[in-house]
Amino acid sequence: MDNLEVHESADGLVVFQEIDDRVHHLNPTASIIFELCDGAHDVAGIAAQVRDVFSLDHLPIGETMECIEMLIREGLVH
């Protein structure tokens, strides 16, 4: 989104929302999901990336969807 300023931090991303003057601190998992919410990946594809990055033994579909819904509610993705 155009109104976001994104910076890497030691433990994820810091996202500044210029319009609302809000700062969001995303943990490593939320950071990966945020970066993959680019319109080129579906929920299953994003969950597969999370599984692979964190060497999970299951596909975290529910957790990924919850995170995406939070990012939408906060206005970080649409």
PDB file of N, CA and C in Angstrom:
ATOM      1  N   MET A   1       0.841  -1.172   0.000  1.00  0.00           N
ATOM      2  CA  MET A   1       0.000   0.000   0.000  1.00  0.00           C
ATOM      3  C   MET A   1       0.892   1.243   0.000  1.00  0.00           C
ATOM      4  N   ASP A   2       0.404   2.272  -0.604  1.00  0.00           N
ATOM      5  CA  ASP A   2       1.194   3.482  -0.777  1.00  0.00           C
ATOM      6  C   ASP A   2       1.470   4.231   0.520  1.00  0.00           C
ATOM      7  N   ASN A   3       0.593   4.106   1.500  1.00  0.00           N
ATOM      8  CA  ASN A   3       0.747   4.895   2.720  1.00  0.00           C
ATOM      9  C   ASN A   3       1.562   4.179   3.791  1.00  0.00           C
ATOM     10  N   LEU A   4       2.330   3.166   3.424  1.00  0.00           N
ATOM     11  CA  LEU A   4       3.112   2.401   4.381  1.00  0.00           C
ATOM     12  C   LEU A   4       4.606   2.612   4.186  1.00  0.00           C
ATOM     13  N   GLU A   5       5.288   2.735   5.295  1.00  0.00           N
ATOM     14  CA  GLU A   5       6.744   2.796   5.292  1.00  0.00           C
ATOM     15  C   GLU A   5       7.216   1.568   6.068  1.00  0.00           C
ATOM     16  N   VAL A   6       7.974   0.701   5.405  1.00  0.00           N
ATOM     17  CA  VAL A   6       8.359  -0.586   5.987  1.00  0.00           C
ATOM     18  C   VAL A   6       9.862  -0.618   6.223  1.00  0.00           C
ATOM     19  N   HIS A   7      10.238  -1.046   7.436  1.00  0.00           N
ATOM     20  CA  HIS A   7      11.646  -1.162   7.807  1.00  0.00           C
ATOM     21  C   HIS A   7      11.884  -2.514   8.461  1.00  0.00           C
ATOM     22  N   GLU A   8      13.014  -3.119   8.147  1.00  0.00           N
ATOM     23  CA  GLU A   8      13.388  -4.366   8.804  1.00  0.00           C
ATOM     24  C   GLU A   8      13.898  -4.054  10.197  1.00  0.00           C
ATOM     25  N   SER A   9      13.600  -4.962  11.125  1.00  0.00           N
ATOM     26  CA  SER A   9      14.143  -4.862  12.471  1.00  0.00           C
ATOM     27  C   SER A   9      14.765  -6.213  12.821  1.00  0.00           C
ATOM     28  N   ALA A  10      15.384  -6.294  13.958  1.00  0.00           N
ATOM     29  CA  ALA A  10      16.054  -7.536  14.366  1.00  0.00           C
ATOM     30  C   ALA A  10      15.072  -8.693  14.508  1.00  0.00           C
ATOM     31  N   ASP A  11      13.822  -8.391  14.803  1.00  0.00           N
ATOM     32  CA  ASP A  11      12.847  -9.451  15.045  1.00  0.00           C
ATOM     33  C   ASP A  11      11.607  -9.352  14.161  1.00  0.00           C
ATOM     34  N   GLY A  12      11.754  -8.865  12.955  1.00  0.00           N
ATOM     35  CA  GLY A  12      10.626  -8.794  12.031  1.00  0.00           C
ATOM     36  C   GLY A  12      10.625  -7.508  11.236  1.00  0.00           C
ATOM     37  N   LEU A  13       9.448  -6.899  11.145  1.00  0.00           N
ATOM     38  CA  LEU A  13       9.293  -5.646  10.400  1.00  0.00           C
ATOM     39  C   LEU A  13       8.616  -4.601  11.273  1.00  0.00           C
ATOM     40  N   VAL A  14       8.959  -3.360  11.024  1.00  0.00           N
ATOM     41  CA  VAL A  14       8.256  -2.228  11.608  1.00  0.00           C
ATOM     42  C   VAL A  14       7.575  -1.526  10.445  1.00  0.00           C
ATOM     43  N   VAL A  15       6.253  -1.389  10.556  1.00  0.00           N
ATOM     44  CA  VAL A  15       5.469  -0.787   9.479  1.00  0.00           C
ATOM     45  C   VAL A  15       4.821   0.485  10.018  1.00  0.00           C
ATOM     46  N   PHE A  16       5.128   1.603   9.382  1.00  0.00           N
ATOM     47  CA  PHE A  16       4.546   2.889   9.759  1.00  0.00           C
ATOM     48  C   PHE A  16       3.435   3.217   8.786  1.00  0.00           C
ATOM     49  N   GLN A  17       2.245   3.462   9.329  1.00  0.00           N
ATOM     50  CA  GLN A  17       1.076   3.839   8.544  1.00  0.00           C
ATOM     51  C   GLN A  17       0.962   5.359   8.582  1.00  0.00           C
ATOM     52  N   GLU A  18       1.357   5.994   7.507  1.00  0.00           N
ATOM     53  CA  GLU A  18       1.405   7.455   7.458  1.00  0.00           C
ATOM     54  C   GLU A  18       0.041   8.098   7.670  1.00  0.00           C
ATOM     55  N   ILE A  19      -0.975   7.597   7.021  1.00  0.00           N
ATOM     56  CA  ILE A  19      -2.305   8.214   7.089  1.00  0.00           C
ATOM     57  C   ILE A  19      -2.836   8.229   8.522  1.00  0.00           C
ATOM     58  N   ASP A  20      -2.678   7.112   9.237  1.00  0.00           N
ATOM     59  CA  ASP A  20      -3.203   7.002  10.603  1.00  0.00           C
ATOM     60  C   ASP A  20      -2.163   7.342  11.666  1.00  0.00           C
ATOM     61  N   ASP A  21      -0.927   7.598  11.245  1.00  0.00           N
ATOM     62  CA  ASP A  21       0.171   7.874  12.171  1.00  0.00           C
ATOM     63  C   ASP A  21       0.288   6.745  13.200  1.00  0.00           C
ATOM     64  N   ARG A  22       0.316   5.506  12.681  1.00  0.00           N
ATOM     65  CA  ARG A  22       0.398   4.322  13.533  1.00  0.00           C
ATOM     66  C   ARG A  22       1.637   3.507  13.165  1.00  0.00           C
ATOM     67  N   VAL A  23       2.196   2.837  14.162  1.00  0.00           N
ATOM     68  CA  VAL A  23       3.351   1.974  13.959  1.00  0.00           C
ATOM     69  C   VAL A  23       2.960   0.558  14.349  1.00  0.00           C
ATOM     70  N   HIS A  24       3.303  -0.395  13.492  1.00  0.00           N
ATOM     71  CA  HIS A  24       3.025  -1.810  13.743  1.00  0.00           C
ATOM     72  C   HIS A  24       4.351  -2.558  13.792  1.00  0.00           C
ATOM     73  N   HIS A  25       4.515  -3.389  14.805  1.00  0.00           N
ATOM     74  CA  HIS A  25       5.700  -4.236  14.922  1.00  0.00           C
ATOM     75  C   HIS A  25       5.272  -5.663  14.579  1.00  0.00           C
ATOM     76  N   LEU A  26       5.734  -6.165  13.445  1.00  0.00           N
ATOM     77  CA  LEU A  26       5.359  -7.506  13.000  1.00  0.00           C
ATOM     78  C   LEU A  26       6.446  -8.499  13.384  1.00  0.00           C
ATOM     79  N   ASN A  27       6.032  -9.598  14.010  1.00  0.00           N
ATOM     80  CA  ASN A  27       6.999 -10.643  14.352  1.00  0.00           C
ATOM     81  C   ASN A  27       7.452 -11.342  13.072  1.00  0.00           C
ATOM     82  N   PRO A  28       8.416 -12.253  13.173  1.00  0.00           N
ATOM     83  CA  PRO A  28       8.922 -12.901  11.952  1.00  0.00           C
ATOM     84  C   PRO A  28       7.843 -13.586  11.112  1.00  0.00           C
ATOM     85  N   THR A  29       6.907 -14.263  11.758  1.00  0.00           N
ATOM     86  CA  THR A  29       5.849 -14.949  11.007  1.00  0.00           C
ATOM     87  C   THR A  29       4.949 -13.945  10.299  1.00  0.00           C
ATOM     88  N   ALA A  30       4.488 -12.938  11.022  1.00  0.00           N
ATOM     89  CA  ALA A  30       3.623 -11.917  10.420  1.00  0.00           C
ATOM     90  C   ALA A  30       4.355 -11.160   9.323  1.00  0.00           C
ATOM     91  N   SER A  31       5.656 -10.986   9.484  1.00  0.00           N
ATOM     92  CA  SER A  31       6.459 -10.291   8.467  1.00  0.00           C
ATOM     93  C   SER A  31       6.469 -11.064   7.156  1.00  0.00           C
ATOM     94  N   ILE A  32       6.664 -12.373   7.249  1.00  0.00           N
ATOM     95  CA  ILE A  32       6.660 -13.214   6.040  1.00  0.00           C
ATOM     96  C   ILE A  32       5.301 -13.150   5.372  1.00  0.00           C
ATOM     97  N   ILE A  33       4.252 -13.298   6.175  1.00  0.00           N
ATOM     98  CA  ILE A  33       2.898 -13.278   5.620  1.00  0.00           C
ATOM     99  C   ILE A  33       2.612 -11.921   4.983  1.00  0.00           C
ATOM    100  N   PHE A  34       2.968 -10.834   5.648  1.00  0.00           N
ATOM    101  CA  PHE A  34       2.781  -9.483   5.121  1.00  0.00           C
ATOM    102  C   PHE A  34       3.461  -9.334   3.764  1.00  0.00           C
ATOM    103  N   GLU A  35       4.698  -9.778   3.665  1.00  0.00           N
ATOM    104  CA  GLU A  35       5.446  -9.643   2.415  1.00  0.00           C
ATOM    105  C   GLU A  35       4.848 -10.486   1.291  1.00  0.00           C
ATOM    106  N   LEU A  36       4.220 -11.612   1.643  1.00  0.00           N
ATOM    107  CA  LEU A  36       3.639 -12.481   0.624  1.00  0.00           C
ATOM    108  C   LEU A  36       2.215 -12.079   0.229  1.00  0.00           C
ATOM    109  N   CYS A  37       1.623 -11.132   0.937  1.00  0.00           N
ATOM    110  CA  CYS A  37       0.287 -10.634   0.582  1.00  0.00           C
ATOM    111  C   CYS A  37       0.426  -9.599  -0.526  1.00  0.00           C
ATOM    112  N   ASP A  38       0.900 -10.064  -1.662  1.00  0.00           N
ATOM    113  CA  ASP A  38       1.195  -9.174  -2.781  1.00  0.00           C
ATOM    114  C   ASP A  38       0.278  -9.401  -3.973  1.00  0.00           C
ATOM    115  N   GLY A  39      -0.732 -10.237  -3.782  1.00  0.00           N
ATOM    116  CA  GLY A  39      -1.659 -10.537  -4.868  1.00  0.00           C
ATOM    117  C   GLY A  39      -1.215 -11.691  -5.737  1.00  0.00           C
ATOM    118  N   ALA A  40       0.013 -12.136  -5.577  1.00  0.00           N
ATOM    119  CA  ALA A  40       0.528 -13.244  -6.383  1.00  0.00           C
ATOM    120  C   ALA A  40       0.429 -14.585  -5.656  1.00  0.00           C
ATOM    121  N   HIS A  41       0.098 -14.561  -4.364  1.00  0.00           N
ATOM    122  CA  HIS A  41       0.048 -15.781  -3.565  1.00  0.00           C
ATOM    123  C   HIS A  41      -1.336 -15.947  -2.944  1.00  0.00           C
ATOM    124  N   ASP A  42      -1.830 -17.192  -2.932  1.00  0.00           N
ATOM    125  CA  ASP A  42      -3.074 -17.464  -2.230  1.00  0.00           C
ATOM    126  C   ASP A  42      -2.746 -17.920  -0.809  1.00  0.00           C
ATOM    127  N   VAL A  43      -3.769 -18.117   0.021  1.00  0.00           N
ATOM    128  CA  VAL A  43      -3.561 -18.480   1.421  1.00  0.00           C
ATOM    129  C   VAL A  43      -2.770 -19.778   1.540  1.00  0.00           C
ATOM    130  N   ALA A  44      -3.093 -20.765   0.735  1.00  0.00           N
ATOM    131  CA  ALA A  44      -2.378 -22.048   0.803  1.00  0.00           C
ATOM    132  C   ALA A  44      -0.902 -21.872   0.446  1.00  0.00           C
ATOM    133  N   GLY A  45      -0.626 -21.051  -0.540  1.00  0.00           N
ATOM    134  CA  GLY A  45       0.758 -20.803  -0.932  1.00  0.00           C
ATOM    135  C   GLY A  45       1.535 -20.068   0.149  1.00  0.00           C
ATOM    136  N   ILE A  46       0.872 -19.106   0.797  1.00  0.00           N
ATOM    137  CA  ILE A  46       1.515 -18.377   1.889  1.00  0.00           C
ATOM    138  C   ILE A  46       1.768 -19.322   3.056  1.00  0.00           C
ATOM    139  N   ALA A  47       0.770 -20.149   3.382  1.00  0.00           N
ATOM    140  CA  ALA A  47       0.925 -21.115   4.480  1.00  0.00           C
ATOM    141  C   ALA A  47       2.055 -22.095   4.189  1.00  0.00           C
ATOM    142  N   ALA A  48       2.199 -22.502   2.931  1.00  0.00           N
ATOM    143  CA  ALA A  48       3.288 -23.411   2.556  1.00  0.00           C
ATOM    144  C   ALA A  48       4.644 -22.748   2.763  1.00  0.00           C
ATOM    145  N   GLN A  49       4.739 -21.467   2.445  1.00  0.00           N
ATOM    146  CA  GLN A  49       5.990 -20.737   2.667  1.00  0.00           C
ATOM    147  C   GLN A  49       6.311 -20.665   4.161  1.00  0.00           C
ATOM    148  N   VAL A  50       5.299 -20.371   4.973  1.00  0.00           N
ATOM    149  CA  VAL A  50       5.492 -20.313   6.427  1.00  0.00           C
ATOM    150  C   VAL A  50       5.949 -21.681   6.939  1.00  0.00           C
ATOM    151  N   ARG A  51       5.292 -22.738   6.484  1.00  0.00           N
ATOM    152  CA  ARG A  51       5.682 -24.099   6.878  1.00  0.00           C
ATOM    153  C   ARG A  51       7.141 -24.361   6.550  1.00  0.00           C
ATOM    154  N   ASP A  52       7.547 -24.000   5.354  1.00  0.00           N
ATOM    155  CA  ASP A  52       8.916 -24.266   4.911  1.00  0.00           C
ATOM    156  C   ASP A  52       9.945 -23.426   5.673  1.00  0.00           C
ATOM    157  N   VAL A  53       9.665 -22.157   5.873  1.00  0.00           N
ATOM    158  CA  VAL A  53      10.607 -21.270   6.561  1.00  0.00           C
ATOM    159  C   VAL A  53      10.832 -21.721   8.000  1.00  0.00           C
ATOM    160  N   PHE A  54       9.777 -22.151   8.663  1.00  0.00           N
ATOM    161  CA  PHE A  54       9.879 -22.520  10.073  1.00  0.00           C
ATOM    162  C   PHE A  54       9.953 -24.034  10.292  1.00  0.00           C
ATOM    163  N   SER A  55      10.103 -24.796   9.210  1.00  0.00           N
ATOM    164  CA  SER A  55      10.229 -26.268   9.283  1.00  0.00           C
ATOM    165  C   SER A  55       9.111 -26.898  10.109  1.00  0.00           C
ATOM    166  N   LEU A  56       7.891 -26.488   9.827  1.00  0.00           N
ATOM    167  CA  LEU A  56       6.732 -27.035  10.537  1.00  0.00           C
ATOM    168  C   LEU A  56       6.348 -28.387   9.949  1.00  0.00           C
ATOM    169  N   ASP A  57       5.704 -29.207  10.759  1.00  0.00           N
ATOM    170  CA  ASP A  57       5.278 -30.517  10.274  1.00  0.00           C
ATOM    171  C   ASP A  57       3.840 -30.506   9.758  1.00  0.00           C
ATOM    172  N   HIS A  58       3.204 -29.335   9.777  1.00  0.00           N
ATOM    173  CA  HIS A  58       1.847 -29.210   9.249  1.00  0.00           C
ATOM    174  C   HIS A  58       1.726 -27.909   8.449  1.00  0.00           C
ATOM    175  N   LEU A  59       0.700 -27.838   7.649  1.00  0.00           N
ATOM    176  CA  LEU A  59       0.427 -26.632   6.867  1.00  0.00           C
ATOM    177  C   LEU A  59      -0.431 -25.700   7.730  1.00  0.00           C
ATOM    178  N   PRO A  60       0.086 -24.550   8.140  1.00  0.00           N
ATOM    179  CA  PRO A  60      -0.634 -23.683   9.079  1.00  0.00           C
ATOM    180  C   PRO A  60      -1.685 -22.793   8.412  1.00  0.00           C
ATOM    181  N   ILE A  61      -2.667 -23.418   7.793  1.00  0.00           N
ATOM    182  CA  ILE A  61      -3.704 -22.668   7.068  1.00  0.00           C
ATOM    183  C   ILE A  61      -4.481 -21.748   8.018  1.00  0.00           C
ATOM    184  N   GLY A  62      -4.976 -22.290   9.123  1.00  0.00           N
ATOM    185  CA  GLY A  62      -5.780 -21.493  10.052  1.00  0.00           C
ATOM    186  C   GLY A  62      -5.006 -20.326  10.622  1.00  0.00           C
ATOM    187  N   GLU A  63      -3.781 -20.584  11.063  1.00  0.00           N
ATOM    188  CA  GLU A  63      -2.951 -19.540  11.644  1.00  0.00           C
ATOM    189  C   GLU A  63      -2.610 -18.460  10.618  1.00  0.00           C
ATOM    190  N   THR A  64      -2.350 -18.901   9.392  1.00  0.00           N
ATOM    191  CA  THR A  64      -2.035 -17.962   8.318  1.00  0.00           C
ATOM    192  C   THR A  64      -3.236 -17.083   8.011  1.00  0.00           C
ATOM    193  N   MET A  65      -4.411 -17.693   7.954  1.00  0.00           N
ATOM    194  CA  MET A  65      -5.626 -16.930   7.675  1.00  0.00           C
ATOM    195  C   MET A  65      -5.901 -15.931   8.791  1.00  0.00           C
ATOM    196  N   GLU A  66      -5.701 -16.332  10.051  1.00  0.00           N
ATOM    197  CA  GLU A  66      -5.887 -15.409  11.174  1.00  0.00           C
ATOM    198  C   GLU A  66      -4.960 -14.206  11.052  1.00  0.00           C
ATOM    199  N   CYS A  67      -3.723 -14.449  10.684  1.00  0.00           N
ATOM    200  CA  CYS A  67      -2.764 -13.366  10.530  1.00  0.00           C
ATOM    201  C   CYS A  67      -3.160 -12.443   9.379  1.00  0.00           C
ATOM    202  N   ILE A  68      -3.578 -13.014   8.270  1.00  0.00           N
ATOM    203  CA  ILE A  68      -4.013 -12.206   7.127  1.00  0.00           C
ATOM    204  C   ILE A  68      -5.215 -11.347   7.515  1.00  0.00           C
ATOM    205  N   GLU A  69      -6.153 -11.932   8.246  1.00  0.00           N
ATOM    206  CA  GLU A  69      -7.324 -11.178   8.683  1.00  0.00           C
ATOM    207  C   GLU A  69      -6.928 -10.015   9.593  1.00  0.00           C
ATOM    208  N   MET A  70      -5.928 -10.233  10.466  1.00  0.00           N
ATOM    209  CA  MET A  70      -5.433  -9.167  11.334  1.00  0.00           C
ATOM    210  C   MET A  70      -4.781  -8.067  10.495  1.00  0.00           C
ATOM    211  N   LEU A  71      -3.981  -8.454   9.506  1.00  0.00           N
ATOM    212  CA  LEU A  71      -3.330  -7.466   8.642  1.00  0.00           C
ATOM    213  C   LEU A  71      -4.364  -6.644   7.875  1.00  0.00           C
ATOM    214  N   ILE A  72      -5.445  -7.276   7.464  1.00  0.00           N
ATOM    215  CA  ILE A  72      -6.529  -6.576   6.772  1.00  0.00           C
ATOM    216  C   ILE A  72      -7.222  -5.604   7.731  1.00  0.00           C
ATOM    217  N   ARG A  73      -7.561  -6.091   8.940  1.00  0.00           N
ATOM    218  CA  ARG A  73      -8.233  -5.233   9.932  1.00  0.00           C
ATOM    219  C   ARG A  73      -7.391  -4.000  10.258  1.00  0.00           C
ATOM    220  N   GLU A  74      -6.088  -4.169  10.313  1.00  0.00           N
ATOM    221  CA  GLU A  74      -5.186  -3.056  10.639  1.00  0.00           C
ATOM    222  C   GLU A  74      -4.909  -2.150   9.439  1.00  0.00           C
ATOM    223  N   GLY A  75      -5.405  -2.547   8.271  1.00  0.00           N
ATOM    224  CA  GLY A  75      -5.221  -1.729   7.078  1.00  0.00           C
ATOM    225  C   GLY A  75      -3.856  -1.848   6.444  1.00  0.00           C
ATOM    226  N   LEU A  76      -3.146  -2.945   6.758  1.00  0.00           N
ATOM    227  CA  LEU A  76      -1.802  -3.130   6.202  1.00  0.00           C
ATOM    228  C   LEU A  76      -1.832  -3.840   4.851  1.00  0.00           C
ATOM    229  N   VAL A  77      -2.838  -4.626   4.607  1.00  0.00           N
ATOM    230  CA  VAL A  77      -3.030  -5.275   3.304  1.00  0.00           C
ATOM    231  C   VAL A  77      -4.511  -5.199   2.966  1.00  0.00           C
ATOM    232  N   HIS A  78      -4.823  -5.429   1.705  1.00  0.00           N
ATOM    233  CA  HIS A  78      -6.238  -5.458   1.308  1.00  0.00           C
ATOM    234  C   HIS A  78      -6.471  -6.557   0.300  1.00  0.00           C
TER     235      HIS A  78
END
